Amino acid sequence: MFQWPVFLLYVYGILLIVGGLMGYVKAKSVPSLVAGCVCGFLALLFGYRYTWHFAPHAAFILALVLIFLMGRRYLNTRKAMPALLIVVMSVIVALVQVYVLIFVGNGNDPL
């Protein structure tokens, strides 16, 4: 059975990687490529090893960092793409991680 918090982290990681690649292709932005790939691979790793004791915590921290950075970018530019999309996705990931940590328990198999 495939758990939904793990699936969410996989989707999140893939979208971050694709977003970094799109930033590089459209604007030749190497920082976008590096940040998207690093954050995306971290999200994929946390999803792959979700039963690690620290994986839900680390996924939550990753989501908070992206909420802060991309939220600040959205407030400065007022452009919804990609900043607001990443903020919304990161809020969803953060809420799911809080749910898992509070109701399921750390290191347990998520629902």
Protein backbone atom coordinates (compact mmCIF):
# COMPACT_ATOMS: atom_id res chain seq x y z
CA MET A 1 0.00 0.00 0.00
CA PHE A 2 1.25 3.46 -0.92
CA GLN A 3 0.86 6.00 1.90
CA TRP A 4 -0.47 9.44 0.99
CA PRO A 5 2.17 11.53 2.87
CA VAL A 6 4.89 9.66 0.97
CA PHE A 7 3.06 10.15 -2.33
CA LEU A 8 2.69 13.86 -1.56
CA LEU A 9 6.44 14.18 -0.97
CA TYR A 10 7.15 12.39 -4.26
CA VAL A 11 4.86 14.75 -6.17
CA TYR A 12 6.32 17.75 -4.33
CA GLY A 13 9.88 16.68 -5.14
CA ILE A 14 9.14 16.07 -8.80
CA LEU A 15 7.39 19.43 -9.15
CA LEU A 16 10.32 21.22 -7.49
CA ILE A 17 12.79 19.56 -9.87
CA VAL A 18 10.63 20.34 -12.91
CA GLY A 19 10.25 23.94 -11.71
CA GLY A 20 14.00 24.32 -11.37
CA LEU A 21 14.51 22.91 -14.85
CA MET A 22 11.88 25.26 -16.28
CA GLY A 23 13.55 28.23 -14.58
CA TYR A 24 16.81 27.27 -16.21
CA VAL A 25 15.30 26.71 -19.65
CA LYS A 26 13.22 29.91 -19.68
CA ALA A 27 15.56 32.34 -17.91
CA LYS A 28 18.93 30.55 -17.96
CA SER A 29 18.83 30.74 -14.15
CA VAL A 30 21.45 28.43 -12.70
CA PRO A 31 20.40 29.23 -9.08
CA SER A 32 16.86 28.15 -9.96
CA LEU A 33 18.16 24.89 -11.40
CA VAL A 34 20.37 24.14 -8.40
CA ALA A 35 17.78 25.12 -5.78
CA GLY A 36 14.97 23.23 -7.53
CA CYS A 37 17.05 20.08 -7.94
CA VAL A 38 18.48 20.12 -4.40
CA CYS A 39 15.11 20.78 -2.74
CA GLY A 40 13.36 18.32 -5.05
CA PHE A 41 15.86 15.54 -4.38
CA LEU A 42 15.63 16.20 -0.64
CA ALA A 43 11.84 15.89 -0.81
CA LEU A 44 12.18 12.65 -2.80
CA LEU A 45 14.70 11.29 -0.28
CA PHE A 46 12.44 12.14 2.65
CA GLY A 47 9.55 10.42 0.89
CA TYR A 48 11.66 7.36 0.07
CA ARG A 49 12.89 7.04 3.65
CA TYR A 50 9.78 8.32 5.38
CA THR A 51 10.03 5.89 8.29
CA TRP A 52 13.35 7.45 9.35
CA HIS A 53 12.95 9.10 12.70
CA PHE A 54 13.75 12.58 11.36
CA ALA A 55 12.15 12.46 7.89
CA PRO A 56 8.80 14.10 8.79
CA HIS A 57 10.65 16.80 10.75
CA ALA A 58 13.06 17.43 7.88
CA ALA A 59 10.24 17.55 5.32
CA PHE A 60 8.43 20.07 7.54
CA ILE A 61 11.55 22.25 7.82
CA LEU A 62 12.11 22.07 4.04
CA ALA A 63 8.51 23.19 3.46
CA LEU A 64 8.89 26.06 5.96
CA VAL A 65 12.09 27.28 4.30
CA LEU A 66 10.42 27.27 0.90
CA ILE A 67 7.34 29.04 2.31
CA PHE A 68 9.56 31.78 3.71
CA LEU A 69 11.82 32.21 0.67
CA MET A 70 9.16 31.98 -2.01
CA GLY A 71 6.64 33.94 0.03
CA ARG A 72 9.12 36.78 0.29
CA ARG A 73 9.74 36.53 -3.45
CA TYR A 74 6.00 36.68 -4.16
CA LEU A 75 5.59 39.76 -1.94
CA ASN A 76 8.43 41.51 -3.79
CA THR A 77 7.41 40.63 -7.37
CA ARG A 78 3.63 40.02 -7.08
CA LYS A 79 4.01 37.30 -9.73
CA ALA A 80 2.06 34.16 -8.93
CA MET A 81 4.28 31.85 -10.97
CA PRO A 82 6.31 30.17 -9.62
CA ALA A 83 6.46 31.73 -6.15
CA LEU A 84 2.81 31.49 -5.09
CA LEU A 85 2.47 27.96 -6.46
CA ILE A 86 5.45 26.78 -4.41
CA VAL A 87 4.09 28.54 -1.31
CA VAL A 88 0.73 26.79 -1.68
CA MET A 89 2.35 23.40 -2.26
CA SER A 90 4.70 23.94 0.68
CA VAL A 91 1.83 24.87 3.00
CA ILE A 92 0.05 21.64 2.06
CA VAL A 93 3.21 19.60 2.67
CA ALA A 94 3.83 21.35 6.01
CA LEU A 95 0.25 20.72 7.19
CA VAL A 96 0.47 17.05 6.26
CA GLN A 97 3.76 16.69 8.15
CA VAL A 98 2.25 18.33 11.23
CA TYR A 99 -0.71 15.97 11.00
CA VAL A 100 1.60 12.95 10.75
CA LEU A 101 3.77 14.09 13.65
CA ILE A 102 0.82 14.86 15.94
CA PHE A 103 -1.68 12.13 15.13
CA VAL A 104 0.30 9.27 13.62
CA GLY A 105 3.58 9.50 15.50
CA ASN A 106 7.17 10.00 14.53
CA GLY A 107 8.80 7.11 12.68
CA ASN A 108 5.57 5.15 12.34
CA ASP A 109 4.04 3.99 9.11
CA PRO A 110 1.77 6.81 7.91
CA LEU A 111 -1.84 6.12 7.07
